[in-house]
Every structure is written in structure tokens, then in C-alpha cells.
Amino acid sequence: MKIFRTPIYFPWFFPRRRWGFSSAVNSVFLTFDDGPTPELTNWILEVLGREQIKATFFCVGSNAKAHPELMQRMVQEGHAIGNHTMRHEKGTKVSKKEYIQSIREASKYIDSKLFRPPYGRLPMVFGRTIRKNYQIIMWSWLSYDYDKTVPITQIIEEAHRIKPGDVLIVHDNEKVKDRIKVLLPQLIKIIREKGLNFAVISD
């Protein structure tokens, strides 16, 4: 079973990580992980520009290094950016030293105090060190756009459960390229029909 909404007890266990925002803002926070990727990032930015939406992009350092023009475009168009490690390391598979070094390396190409752990995997001892320099941003609604066993129709149905203050996670990588082009316009439509706005996460 896929869990689209983050279980309520996660923020209790990890209260110093940001899982969402106050519902009083009447906004949602659309976030994209893993980019930038040339064709898809440009397409995403075109859609967001046309819809007058600002989003937050958690970028992988190696991609940011390879495509500085896309990083510049994101910032120039009013989007926020965040650090997603240099090589998309899973925190449970590498040492703390390696992981922190990856974040530092990525920071050379990503000027931000926002951080999101790849796969959402982050040992508590890593988090204590990272919080000295970053806000750790998690999410309250996961799209499963990367999982082809989850039909787009199911994702759309679950999108109707999105609430004010939610941090939404979709992806900007080759794996989701075809699915996100179908999903993103429908996701935007549902959120607008709910009377919600889009906001960026400030660092």
C-alpha cells in the first residue's frame, strides 16, 4: 500500500524537520527533487511561468554543476532552490562524514540554506549536524510520480486530499519525464480548484 500523506506521527518523532506549514497560509508548497535536467527542467519552468506559480527545487549538486544556466533561470524566475546532496546519496548507505561532505560539495553550486535528504533517509545523528547550517525540509504529500506501478489516475485521486500548508513532492529527472508531463497540469488544476495558492519555501 502506498502512503501518499505523511503519517501524523512522523513529525512527532522528528519535530526539528519541516513536514508542512500552517494551514492559515492557504497555500501549498510545490517542490521538485533531483534536477536540473535540461529538457524536463525547461518544460517545468515553462509550465510554472505560464501558470504564474513559484516552486522550490531541491537540486542534486552534480546536476547543478553540469547545468548552471538552469540554476540561474530558476532563481531569476523567482523560484527557491535547495540542497539535495552532491550525488543523491542515501543517508543509510554512507558514513556521516561522506554525507556531510556531499552536502558541502553541493553547496558550491547551490546557494541555499534549505536541505532535503534523498529518499527521505536521514539518521538522527546526521540531522543534528546538518541543522547547524540548514533547514531540513521533508514533505506532507508524496506523489509517487517515480513509481510506474502507481497509476496516474490514483495519484490524481489522492491529490484531492491535499490541504493548505502541505509540502508536495514531485520529481525532475529522466525517470519521471513522461509521467510528470501528464501529472503536473492536472495537479495544478486540482489545487487551483481548491482555492489554494502556491508559495516557495524561504531559507
N, C-alpha and C. Protein backbone atom coordinates (compact mmCIF):
# COMPACT_ATOMS: atom_id res chain seq x y z
N MET A 1 0.83 -1.20 0.00
CA MET A 1 0.00 0.00 0.00
C MET A 1 0.88 1.26 0.00
N LYS A 2 0.53 2.21 -0.84
CA LYS A 2 1.27 3.45 -0.93
C LYS A 2 0.68 4.48 0.04
N ILE A 3 1.56 5.16 0.75
CA ILE A 3 1.13 6.17 1.72
C ILE A 3 1.43 7.55 1.13
N PHE A 4 0.42 8.20 0.60
CA PHE A 4 0.61 9.50 -0.03
C PHE A 4 0.79 10.60 1.00
N ARG A 5 -0.01 10.57 2.05
CA ARG A 5 0.11 11.57 3.10
C ARG A 5 1.06 11.06 4.18
N THR A 6 1.98 11.92 4.60
CA THR A 6 2.92 11.55 5.65
C THR A 6 2.17 11.23 6.94
N PRO A 7 2.42 10.08 7.55
CA PRO A 7 1.73 9.73 8.80
C PRO A 7 1.92 10.81 9.86
N ILE A 8 0.88 11.05 10.63
CA ILE A 8 0.88 12.14 11.60
C ILE A 8 1.97 11.99 12.66
N TYR A 9 2.41 10.75 12.92
CA TYR A 9 3.41 10.55 13.97
C TYR A 9 4.84 10.86 13.51
N PHE A 10 5.08 10.98 12.21
CA PHE A 10 6.43 11.31 11.74
C PHE A 10 6.92 12.64 12.33
N PRO A 11 6.12 13.72 12.24
CA PRO A 11 6.57 14.98 12.84
C PRO A 11 6.77 14.88 14.35
N TRP A 12 6.08 13.98 15.02
CA TRP A 12 6.30 13.79 16.46
C TRP A 12 7.68 13.20 16.71
N PHE A 13 8.07 12.25 15.88
CA PHE A 13 9.38 11.60 16.03
C PHE A 13 10.53 12.52 15.61
N PHE A 14 10.26 13.35 14.59
CA PHE A 14 11.31 14.22 14.04
C PHE A 14 10.81 15.67 14.01
N PRO A 15 10.61 16.29 15.16
CA PRO A 15 10.00 17.62 15.22
C PRO A 15 10.86 18.75 14.67
N ARG A 16 12.15 18.50 14.52
CA ARG A 16 13.03 19.57 14.03
C ARG A 16 13.20 19.54 12.51
N ARG A 17 12.46 18.68 11.88
CA ARG A 17 12.42 18.66 10.42
C ARG A 17 11.09 19.27 9.99
N ARG A 18 11.10 20.01 8.91
CA ARG A 18 9.89 20.68 8.45
C ARG A 18 9.07 19.74 7.57
N TRP A 19 7.86 19.42 8.03
CA TRP A 19 6.98 18.49 7.32
C TRP A 19 5.85 19.22 6.61
N GLY A 20 5.56 20.43 7.01
CA GLY A 20 4.49 21.20 6.42
C GLY A 20 4.43 22.57 7.07
N PHE A 21 3.43 23.36 6.70
CA PHE A 21 3.29 24.71 7.23
C PHE A 21 1.86 24.90 7.74
N SER A 22 1.64 26.00 8.40
CA SER A 22 0.33 26.30 8.95
C SER A 22 -0.73 26.34 7.85
N SER A 23 -1.88 25.78 8.13
CA SER A 23 -2.97 25.81 7.16
C SER A 23 -3.51 27.23 6.97
N ALA A 24 -3.16 28.13 7.87
CA ALA A 24 -3.65 29.51 7.79
C ALA A 24 -3.11 30.24 6.56
N VAL A 25 -1.99 29.77 6.00
CA VAL A 25 -1.41 30.46 4.84
C VAL A 25 -2.24 30.26 3.58
N ASN A 26 -3.12 29.25 3.57
CA ASN A 26 -3.96 28.93 2.42
C ASN A 26 -3.15 28.70 1.16
N SER A 27 -1.95 28.17 1.34
CA SER A 27 -1.07 27.87 0.22
C SER A 27 -0.53 26.46 0.35
N VAL A 28 -0.07 25.92 -0.77
CA VAL A 28 0.71 24.69 -0.76
C VAL A 28 2.10 25.01 -1.28
N PHE A 29 3.04 24.13 -1.00
CA PHE A 29 4.44 24.35 -1.35
C PHE A 29 4.88 23.24 -2.29
N LEU A 30 4.88 23.56 -3.58
CA LEU A 30 5.22 22.60 -4.61
C LEU A 30 6.74 22.49 -4.70
N THR A 31 7.27 21.26 -4.55
CA THR A 31 8.72 21.07 -4.59
C THR A 31 9.08 20.00 -5.62
N PHE A 32 10.21 20.22 -6.26
CA PHE A 32 10.74 19.30 -7.27
C PHE A 32 12.10 18.80 -6.81
N ASP A 33 12.29 17.49 -6.80
CA ASP A 33 13.57 16.91 -6.39
C ASP A 33 14.37 16.43 -7.60
N ASP A 34 15.69 16.47 -7.47
CA ASP A 34 16.67 15.75 -8.32
C ASP A 34 17.24 16.53 -9.49
N GLY A 35 16.63 17.60 -9.94
CA GLY A 35 17.14 18.29 -11.13
C GLY A 35 18.42 19.06 -10.84
N PRO A 36 18.80 19.94 -11.76
CA PRO A 36 18.10 20.18 -13.01
C PRO A 36 18.48 19.17 -14.11
N THR A 37 17.52 18.91 -14.98
CA THR A 37 17.75 18.07 -16.17
C THR A 37 17.30 18.89 -17.37
N PRO A 38 18.14 19.02 -18.38
CA PRO A 38 17.91 20.01 -19.44
C PRO A 38 16.50 20.06 -20.02
N GLU A 39 16.03 19.00 -20.65
CA GLU A 39 14.73 19.06 -21.31
C GLU A 39 13.59 19.22 -20.32
N LEU A 40 13.58 18.41 -19.27
CA LEU A 40 12.45 18.41 -18.35
C LEU A 40 12.39 19.68 -17.51
N THR A 41 13.52 20.14 -17.00
CA THR A 41 13.51 21.35 -16.18
C THR A 41 13.00 22.54 -16.98
N ASN A 42 13.43 22.65 -18.22
CA ASN A 42 12.93 23.74 -19.07
C ASN A 42 11.43 23.63 -19.26
N TRP A 43 10.92 22.42 -19.46
CA TRP A 43 9.47 22.23 -19.63
C TRP A 43 8.73 22.63 -18.35
N ILE A 44 9.25 22.18 -17.20
CA ILE A 44 8.62 22.52 -15.91
C ILE A 44 8.59 24.03 -15.72
N LEU A 45 9.70 24.69 -16.00
CA LEU A 45 9.76 26.14 -15.82
C LEU A 45 8.80 26.87 -16.76
N GLU A 46 8.63 26.35 -17.96
CA GLU A 46 7.67 26.94 -18.88
C GLU A 46 6.25 26.83 -18.34
N VAL A 47 5.91 25.65 -17.81
CA VAL A 47 4.57 25.45 -17.24
C VAL A 47 4.35 26.36 -16.04
N LEU A 48 5.33 26.40 -15.14
CA LEU A 48 5.19 27.24 -13.95
C LEU A 48 5.09 28.72 -14.33
N GLY A 49 5.87 29.13 -15.30
CA GLY A 49 5.81 30.52 -15.75
C GLY A 49 4.45 30.87 -16.34
N ARG A 50 3.93 29.98 -17.17
CA ARG A 50 2.62 30.20 -17.79
C ARG A 50 1.51 30.27 -16.75
N GLU A 51 1.64 29.45 -15.70
CA GLU A 51 0.62 29.39 -14.65
C GLU A 51 0.88 30.39 -13.52
N GLN A 52 1.98 31.13 -13.63
CA GLN A 52 2.37 32.10 -12.60
C GLN A 52 2.50 31.44 -11.22
N ILE A 53 3.25 30.34 -11.20
CA ILE A 53 3.47 29.57 -9.98
C ILE A 53 4.95 29.62 -9.63
N LYS A 54 5.24 29.80 -8.34
CA LYS A 54 6.61 29.70 -7.85
C LYS A 54 6.75 28.40 -7.07
N ALA A 55 7.87 27.72 -7.26
CA ALA A 55 8.10 26.43 -6.63
C ALA A 55 9.48 26.41 -6.00
N THR A 56 9.78 25.31 -5.33
CA THR A 56 11.08 25.11 -4.69
C THR A 56 11.73 23.87 -5.30
N PHE A 57 12.96 24.03 -5.79
CA PHE A 57 13.68 22.95 -6.45
C PHE A 57 14.83 22.46 -5.57
N PHE A 58 14.77 21.20 -5.14
CA PHE A 58 15.87 20.60 -4.39
C PHE A 58 16.78 19.89 -5.39
N CYS A 59 17.93 20.50 -5.62
CA CYS A 59 18.79 20.09 -6.72
C CYS A 59 19.97 19.23 -6.27
N VAL A 60 20.31 18.28 -7.12
CA VAL A 60 21.49 17.45 -6.91
C VAL A 60 22.71 18.24 -7.39
N GLY A 61 23.75 18.27 -6.58
CA GLY A 61 24.91 19.09 -6.89
C GLY A 61 25.56 18.78 -8.22
N SER A 62 25.65 17.50 -8.58
CA SER A 62 26.28 17.15 -9.86
C SER A 62 25.47 17.69 -11.03
N ASN A 63 24.14 17.72 -10.89
CA ASN A 63 23.31 18.28 -11.95
C ASN A 63 23.41 19.80 -11.99
N ALA A 64 23.46 20.41 -10.81
CA ALA A 64 23.62 21.87 -10.75
C ALA A 64 24.95 22.30 -11.36
N LYS A 65 26.00 21.53 -11.08
CA LYS A 65 27.31 21.82 -11.64
C LYS A 65 27.30 21.72 -13.16
N ALA A 66 26.60 20.71 -13.69
CA ALA A 66 26.56 20.48 -15.13
C ALA A 66 25.67 21.48 -15.87
N HIS A 67 24.69 22.07 -15.16
CA HIS A 67 23.72 22.95 -15.83
C HIS A 67 23.51 24.25 -15.06
N PRO A 68 24.55 25.06 -14.93
CA PRO A 68 24.43 26.31 -14.17
C PRO A 68 23.42 27.28 -14.78
N GLU A 69 23.20 27.18 -16.09
CA GLU A 69 22.24 28.07 -16.74
C GLU A 69 20.82 27.80 -16.26
N LEU A 70 20.53 26.53 -15.95
CA LEU A 70 19.19 26.20 -15.43
C LEU A 70 19.03 26.65 -13.99
N MET A 71 20.10 26.54 -13.20
CA MET A 71 20.06 27.04 -11.84
C MET A 71 19.80 28.55 -11.84
N GLN A 72 20.48 29.23 -12.74
CA GLN A 72 20.31 30.68 -12.85
C GLN A 72 18.88 31.03 -13.27
N ARG A 73 18.35 30.25 -14.20
CA ARG A 73 16.98 30.52 -14.66
C ARG A 73 15.97 30.34 -13.53
N MET A 74 16.13 29.28 -12.74
CA MET A 74 15.23 29.05 -11.61
C MET A 74 15.18 30.28 -10.69
N VAL A 75 16.34 30.75 -10.32
CA VAL A 75 16.43 31.88 -9.39
C VAL A 75 15.89 33.15 -10.03
N GLN A 76 16.26 33.40 -11.28
CA GLN A 76 15.81 34.61 -11.96
C GLN A 76 14.29 34.66 -12.10
N GLU A 77 13.68 33.49 -12.20
CA GLU A 77 12.22 33.43 -12.38
C GLU A 77 11.48 33.36 -11.05
N GLY A 78 12.21 33.53 -9.95
CA GLY A 78 11.56 33.67 -8.65
C GLY A 78 11.33 32.39 -7.88
N HIS A 79 11.94 31.30 -8.31
CA HIS A 79 11.80 30.03 -7.59
C HIS A 79 12.87 29.93 -6.51
N ALA A 80 12.61 29.11 -5.51
CA ALA A 80 13.60 28.84 -4.47
C ALA A 80 14.36 27.57 -4.83
N ILE A 81 15.59 27.45 -4.32
CA ILE A 81 16.38 26.25 -4.56
C ILE A 81 16.85 25.69 -3.22
N GLY A 82 17.15 24.40 -3.21
CA GLY A 82 17.64 23.74 -2.01
C GLY A 82 18.66 22.68 -2.36
N ASN A 83 19.40 22.26 -1.36
CA ASN A 83 20.48 21.28 -1.49
C ASN A 83 19.91 19.87 -1.34
N HIS A 84 20.31 18.98 -2.26
CA HIS A 84 19.83 17.59 -2.25
C HIS A 84 21.02 16.62 -2.34
N THR A 85 22.14 17.04 -1.76
CA THR A 85 23.44 16.35 -1.79
C THR A 85 24.09 16.45 -3.16
N MET A 86 25.34 16.06 -3.22
CA MET A 86 26.09 16.17 -4.47
C MET A 86 25.75 15.05 -5.44
N ARG A 87 25.59 13.82 -4.90
CA ARG A 87 25.39 12.66 -5.77
C ARG A 87 24.15 11.85 -5.42
N HIS A 88 23.20 12.47 -4.72
CA HIS A 88 21.94 11.80 -4.36
C HIS A 88 22.19 10.56 -3.49
N GLU A 89 23.04 10.73 -2.49
CA GLU A 89 23.35 9.62 -1.60
C GLU A 89 22.21 9.34 -0.63
N LYS A 90 22.01 8.07 -0.34
CA LYS A 90 21.05 7.67 0.69
C LYS A 90 21.78 7.67 2.03
N GLY A 91 21.20 8.40 3.00
CA GLY A 91 21.87 8.59 4.29
C GLY A 91 22.15 7.31 5.05
N THR A 92 21.38 6.26 4.78
CA THR A 92 21.58 4.99 5.48
C THR A 92 22.63 4.11 4.81
N LYS A 93 23.19 4.57 3.70
CA LYS A 93 24.16 3.75 2.95
C LYS A 93 25.59 4.29 2.98
N VAL A 94 25.78 5.49 3.56
CA VAL A 94 27.12 6.08 3.61
C VAL A 94 27.41 6.55 5.03
N SER A 95 28.67 6.86 5.29
CA SER A 95 29.05 7.35 6.61
C SER A 95 28.60 8.79 6.79
N LYS A 96 28.53 9.22 8.03
CA LYS A 96 28.18 10.61 8.30
C LYS A 96 29.18 11.55 7.64
N LYS A 97 30.46 11.23 7.72
CA LYS A 97 31.49 12.08 7.13
C LYS A 97 31.26 12.23 5.62
N GLU A 98 30.99 11.12 4.93
CA GLU A 98 30.76 11.17 3.49
C GLU A 98 29.52 12.01 3.15
N TYR A 99 28.49 11.84 3.95
CA TYR A 99 27.23 12.52 3.68
C TYR A 99 27.37 14.03 3.86
N ILE A 100 27.97 14.44 4.95
CA ILE A 100 28.17 15.88 5.21
C ILE A 100 29.07 16.49 4.14
N GLN A 101 30.09 15.74 3.73
CA GLN A 101 30.97 16.24 2.69
C GLN A 101 30.21 16.42 1.37
N SER A 102 29.29 15.51 1.09
CA SER A 102 28.48 15.61 -0.13
C SER A 102 27.63 16.88 -0.12
N ILE A 103 27.06 17.19 1.03
CA ILE A 103 26.25 18.42 1.15
C ILE A 103 27.13 19.65 0.95
N ARG A 104 28.30 19.63 1.56
CA ARG A 104 29.23 20.76 1.42
C ARG A 104 29.67 20.94 -0.03
N GLU A 105 29.94 19.84 -0.69
CA GLU A 105 30.36 19.91 -2.09
C GLU A 105 29.23 20.49 -2.95
N ALA A 106 28.01 20.03 -2.69
CA ALA A 106 26.87 20.53 -3.45
C ALA A 106 26.64 22.02 -3.22
N SER A 107 26.97 22.49 -2.02
CA SER A 107 26.74 23.91 -1.68
C SER A 107 27.57 24.86 -2.54
N LYS A 108 28.59 24.34 -3.19
CA LYS A 108 29.39 25.18 -4.10
C LYS A 108 28.56 25.59 -5.32
N TYR A 109 27.54 24.82 -5.63
CA TYR A 109 26.74 25.05 -6.83
C TYR A 109 25.28 25.39 -6.50
N ILE A 110 24.91 25.26 -5.21
CA ILE A 110 23.53 25.51 -4.78
C ILE A 110 23.57 26.45 -3.59
N ASP A 111 23.26 27.69 -3.82
CA ASP A 111 23.32 28.72 -2.76
C ASP A 111 22.01 28.74 -2.00
N SER A 112 21.93 27.96 -0.93
CA SER A 112 20.68 27.83 -0.20
C SER A 112 20.94 27.28 1.19
N LYS A 113 20.04 27.60 2.11
CA LYS A 113 20.08 27.04 3.46
C LYS A 113 18.96 26.02 3.67
N LEU A 114 18.38 25.56 2.56
CA LEU A 114 17.38 24.51 2.61
C LEU A 114 18.03 23.19 2.22
N PHE A 115 17.65 22.12 2.90
CA PHE A 115 18.19 20.80 2.58
C PHE A 115 17.09 19.75 2.64
N ARG A 116 17.08 18.87 1.66
CA ARG A 116 16.18 17.72 1.69
C ARG A 116 17.00 16.44 1.48
N PRO A 117 16.87 15.47 2.38
CA PRO A 117 17.61 14.23 2.22
C PRO A 117 17.05 13.35 1.11
N PRO A 118 17.87 12.88 0.19
CA PRO A 118 17.39 11.94 -0.83
C PRO A 118 16.70 10.74 -0.19
N TYR A 119 15.61 10.33 -0.78
CA TYR A 119 14.80 9.18 -0.31
C TYR A 119 14.17 9.44 1.06
N GLY A 120 14.38 10.62 1.63
CA GLY A 120 13.87 10.89 2.96
C GLY A 120 14.62 10.14 4.05
N ARG A 121 15.75 9.56 3.72
CA ARG A 121 16.52 8.76 4.66
C ARG A 121 17.62 9.61 5.31
N LEU A 122 17.49 9.83 6.60
CA LEU A 122 18.46 10.67 7.30
C LEU A 122 18.58 10.24 8.76
N PRO A 123 19.67 9.55 9.12
CA PRO A 123 19.87 9.18 10.52
C PRO A 123 19.85 10.41 11.42
N MET A 124 19.32 10.25 12.62
CA MET A 124 19.18 11.38 13.54
C MET A 124 20.51 12.06 13.83
N VAL A 125 21.57 11.28 13.95
CA VAL A 125 22.88 11.88 14.26
C VAL A 125 23.36 12.76 13.11
N PHE A 126 22.99 12.42 11.87
CA PHE A 126 23.33 13.28 10.73
C PHE A 126 22.55 14.59 10.84
N GLY A 127 21.27 14.47 11.20
CA GLY A 127 20.40 15.63 11.24
C GLY A 127 20.88 16.69 12.21
N ARG A 128 21.42 16.28 13.34
CA ARG A 128 21.89 17.25 14.33
C ARG A 128 22.99 18.13 13.76
N THR A 129 23.88 17.53 12.96
CA THR A 129 24.96 18.31 12.34
C THR A 129 24.43 19.19 11.21
N ILE A 130 23.56 18.66 10.40
CA ILE A 130 23.03 19.40 9.25
C ILE A 130 22.23 20.62 9.69
N ARG A 131 21.50 20.50 10.79
CA ARG A 131 20.65 21.61 11.26
C ARG A 131 21.46 22.84 11.69
N LYS A 132 22.74 22.68 11.90
CA LYS A 132 23.56 23.84 12.25
C LYS A 132 23.62 24.84 11.10
N ASN A 133 23.43 24.35 9.88
CA ASN A 133 23.56 25.21 8.70
C ASN A 133 22.34 25.22 7.78
N TYR A 134 21.41 24.28 8.00
CA TYR A 134 20.29 24.13 7.08
C TYR A 134 18.97 23.90 7.80
N GLN A 135 17.88 24.31 7.12
CA GLN A 135 16.55 23.82 7.48
C GLN A 135 16.36 22.49 6.75
N ILE A 136 15.95 21.46 7.46
CA ILE A 136 15.70 20.17 6.83
C ILE A 136 14.23 20.12 6.43
N ILE A 137 13.99 20.05 5.13
CA ILE A 137 12.63 20.11 4.59
C ILE A 137 12.20 18.72 4.13
N MET A 138 11.15 18.21 4.73
CA MET A 138 10.60 16.93 4.34
C MET A 138 9.35 17.19 3.48
N TRP A 139 8.24 16.47 3.72
CA TRP A 139 7.04 16.69 2.93
C TRP A 139 5.84 16.10 3.64
N SER A 140 4.66 16.54 3.24
CA SER A 140 3.42 16.00 3.81
C SER A 140 2.58 15.27 2.77
N TRP A 141 2.94 15.41 1.48
CA TRP A 141 2.23 14.68 0.42
C TRP A 141 3.24 14.25 -0.64
N LEU A 142 3.30 12.94 -0.88
CA LEU A 142 4.24 12.35 -1.82
C LEU A 142 3.48 11.86 -3.05
N SER A 143 3.95 12.23 -4.24
CA SER A 143 3.20 11.94 -5.46
C SER A 143 3.40 10.53 -6.01
N TYR A 144 4.51 9.88 -5.70
CA TYR A 144 4.85 8.58 -6.31
C TYR A 144 4.93 8.68 -7.84
N ASP A 145 5.29 9.85 -8.33
CA ASP A 145 5.44 10.01 -9.78
C ASP A 145 6.54 9.13 -10.34
N TYR A 146 7.49 8.74 -9.52
CA TYR A 146 8.63 7.91 -9.95
C TYR A 146 8.30 6.42 -10.01
N ASP A 147 7.16 6.03 -9.46
CA ASP A 147 6.80 4.61 -9.34
C ASP A 147 5.76 4.25 -10.38
N LYS A 148 6.18 3.55 -11.43
CA LYS A 148 5.28 3.25 -12.54
C LYS A 148 4.22 2.21 -12.18
N THR A 149 4.34 1.59 -11.01
CA THR A 149 3.29 0.68 -10.58
C THR A 149 2.09 1.44 -10.01
N VAL A 150 2.26 2.74 -9.78
CA VAL A 150 1.17 3.58 -9.26
C VAL A 150 0.56 4.33 -10.44
N PRO A 151 -0.67 4.02 -10.81
CA PRO A 151 -1.28 4.70 -11.96
C PRO A 151 -1.45 6.20 -11.71
N ILE A 152 -1.32 6.96 -12.78
CA ILE A 152 -1.53 8.41 -12.68
C ILE A 152 -2.93 8.71 -12.15
N THR A 153 -3.90 7.89 -12.53
CA THR A 153 -5.26 8.12 -12.05
C THR A 153 -5.33 8.02 -10.53
N GLN A 154 -4.56 7.13 -9.95
CA GLN A 154 -4.54 7.00 -8.49
C GLN A 154 -3.90 8.23 -7.85
N ILE A 155 -2.82 8.72 -8.46
CA ILE A 155 -2.15 9.91 -7.94
C ILE A 155 -3.10 11.10 -7.97
N ILE A 156 -3.82 11.24 -9.07
CA ILE A 156 -4.77 12.35 -9.21
C ILE A 156 -5.87 12.24 -8.15
N GLU A 157 -6.35 11.03 -7.92
CA GLU A 157 -7.37 10.84 -6.90
C GLU A 157 -6.85 11.25 -5.52
N GLU A 158 -5.62 10.86 -5.22
CA GLU A 158 -5.02 11.22 -3.93
C GLU A 158 -4.74 12.71 -3.82
N ALA A 159 -4.56 13.37 -4.95
CA ALA A 159 -4.30 14.81 -4.94
C ALA A 159 -5.49 15.59 -4.39
N HIS A 160 -6.67 15.01 -4.44
CA HIS A 160 -7.85 15.69 -3.90
C HIS A 160 -7.79 15.78 -2.37
N ARG A 161 -6.86 15.07 -1.75
CA ARG A 161 -6.69 15.13 -0.29
C ARG A 161 -5.67 16.18 0.14
N ILE A 162 -5.06 16.89 -0.82
CA ILE A 162 -4.09 17.92 -0.49
C ILE A 162 -4.77 19.03 0.31
N LYS A 163 -4.05 19.53 1.33
CA LYS A 163 -4.61 20.52 2.25
C LYS A 163 -3.73 21.78 2.29
N PRO A 164 -4.28 22.90 2.75
CA PRO A 164 -3.45 24.10 2.94
C PRO A 164 -2.27 23.80 3.85
N GLY A 165 -1.11 24.33 3.50
CA GLY A 165 0.09 24.12 4.29
C GLY A 165 0.91 22.91 3.88
N ASP A 166 0.38 22.09 2.99
CA ASP A 166 1.10 20.88 2.57
C ASP A 166 2.35 21.21 1.77
N VAL A 167 3.39 20.41 2.00
CA VAL A 167 4.59 20.42 1.17
C VAL A 167 4.46 19.22 0.23
N LEU A 168 4.39 19.49 -1.06
CA LEU A 168 4.17 18.46 -2.07
C LEU A 168 5.49 18.10 -2.74
N ILE A 169 5.71 16.82 -2.99
CA ILE A 169 6.94 16.42 -3.63
C ILE A 169 6.66 15.70 -4.95
N VAL A 170 7.24 16.27 -6.02
CA VAL A 170 7.28 15.63 -7.33
C VAL A 170 8.74 15.67 -7.77
N HIS A 171 9.03 15.11 -8.94
CA HIS A 171 10.44 14.96 -9.32
C HIS A 171 10.76 15.58 -10.66
N ASP A 172 12.04 15.88 -10.83
CA ASP A 172 12.58 16.49 -12.04
C ASP A 172 13.76 15.62 -12.47
N ASN A 173 13.45 14.47 -13.05
CA ASN A 173 14.51 13.58 -13.52
C ASN A 173 14.01 12.76 -14.71
N GLU A 174 14.93 12.09 -15.38
CA GLU A 174 14.58 11.34 -16.59
C GLU A 174 13.57 10.23 -16.31
N LYS A 175 13.61 9.67 -15.11
CA LYS A 175 12.74 8.55 -14.76
C LYS A 175 11.27 8.93 -14.79
N VAL A 176 10.96 10.18 -14.48
CA VAL A 176 9.55 10.60 -14.40
C VAL A 176 9.10 11.43 -15.60
N LYS A 177 9.98 11.62 -16.57
CA LYS A 177 9.75 12.60 -17.63
C LYS A 177 8.37 12.49 -18.28
N ASP A 178 7.97 11.32 -18.68
CA ASP A 178 6.69 11.17 -19.36
C ASP A 178 5.51 11.33 -18.40
N ARG A 179 5.65 10.77 -17.20
CA ARG A 179 4.55 10.82 -16.24
C ARG A 179 4.31 12.23 -15.70
N ILE A 180 5.37 12.99 -15.43
CA ILE A 180 5.20 14.32 -14.85
C ILE A 180 4.53 15.26 -15.85
N LYS A 181 4.73 15.01 -17.14
CA LYS A 181 4.11 15.88 -18.14
C LYS A 181 2.60 15.69 -18.20
N VAL A 182 2.14 14.54 -17.75
CA VAL A 182 0.71 14.30 -17.63
C VAL A 182 0.20 14.78 -16.27
N LEU A 183 1.00 14.49 -15.24
CA LEU A 183 0.56 14.74 -13.86
C LEU A 183 0.54 16.21 -13.47
N LEU A 184 1.60 16.95 -13.80
CA LEU A 184 1.73 18.31 -13.28
C LEU A 184 0.56 19.22 -13.65
N PRO A 185 0.13 19.27 -14.91
CA PRO A 185 -1.02 20.16 -15.22
C PRO A 185 -2.28 19.78 -14.45
N GLN A 186 -2.51 18.48 -14.25
CA GLN A 186 -3.70 18.05 -13.52
C GLN A 186 -3.58 18.38 -12.03
N LEU A 187 -2.38 18.25 -11.51
CA LEU A 187 -2.14 18.59 -10.10
C LEU A 187 -2.40 20.08 -9.86
N ILE A 188 -1.90 20.91 -10.76
CA ILE A 188 -2.12 22.35 -10.65
C ILE A 188 -3.62 22.66 -10.70
N LYS A 189 -4.33 22.01 -11.61
CA LYS A 189 -5.76 22.24 -11.77
C LYS A 189 -6.53 21.90 -10.48
N ILE A 190 -6.21 20.78 -9.88
CA ILE A 190 -6.88 20.36 -8.64
C ILE A 190 -6.62 21.35 -7.51
N ILE A 191 -5.38 21.77 -7.39
CA ILE A 191 -5.02 22.71 -6.31
C ILE A 191 -5.72 24.05 -6.51
N ARG A 192 -5.77 24.52 -7.74
CA ARG A 192 -6.45 25.78 -8.03
C ARG A 192 -7.95 25.66 -7.74
N GLU A 193 -8.54 24.52 -8.08
CA GLU A 193 -9.97 24.31 -7.83
C GLU A 193 -10.29 24.31 -6.34
N LYS A 194 -9.30 23.98 -5.52
CA LYS A 194 -9.46 24.02 -4.07
C LYS A 194 -9.35 25.44 -3.52
N GLY A 195 -9.00 26.38 -4.38
CA GLY A 195 -8.85 27.76 -3.95
C GLY A 195 -7.54 28.04 -3.24
N LEU A 196 -6.57 27.16 -3.47
CA LEU A 196 -5.28 27.31 -2.80
C LEU A 196 -4.27 28.04 -3.68
N ASN A 197 -3.31 28.69 -3.03
CA ASN A 197 -2.22 29.36 -3.73
C ASN A 197 -0.97 28.50 -3.68
N PHE A 198 0.05 28.93 -4.42
CA PHE A 198 1.35 28.27 -4.41
C PHE A 198 2.38 29.21 -3.79
N ALA A 199 3.23 28.69 -2.94
CA ALA A 199 4.26 29.51 -2.30
C ALA A 199 5.59 28.77 -2.31
N VAL A 200 6.67 29.53 -2.19
CA VAL A 200 8.00 28.92 -2.10
C VAL A 200 8.41 28.79 -0.64
N ILE A 201 9.34 27.91 -0.40
CA ILE A 201 9.88 27.72 0.95
C ILE A 201 11.06 28.67 1.11
N SER A 202 11.00 29.52 2.09
CA SER A 202 12.04 30.52 2.28
C SER A 202 13.17 29.95 3.14
N ASP A 203 14.41 30.31 2.76
CA ASP A 203 15.54 29.89 3.59
C ASP A 203 16.03 31.04 4.46
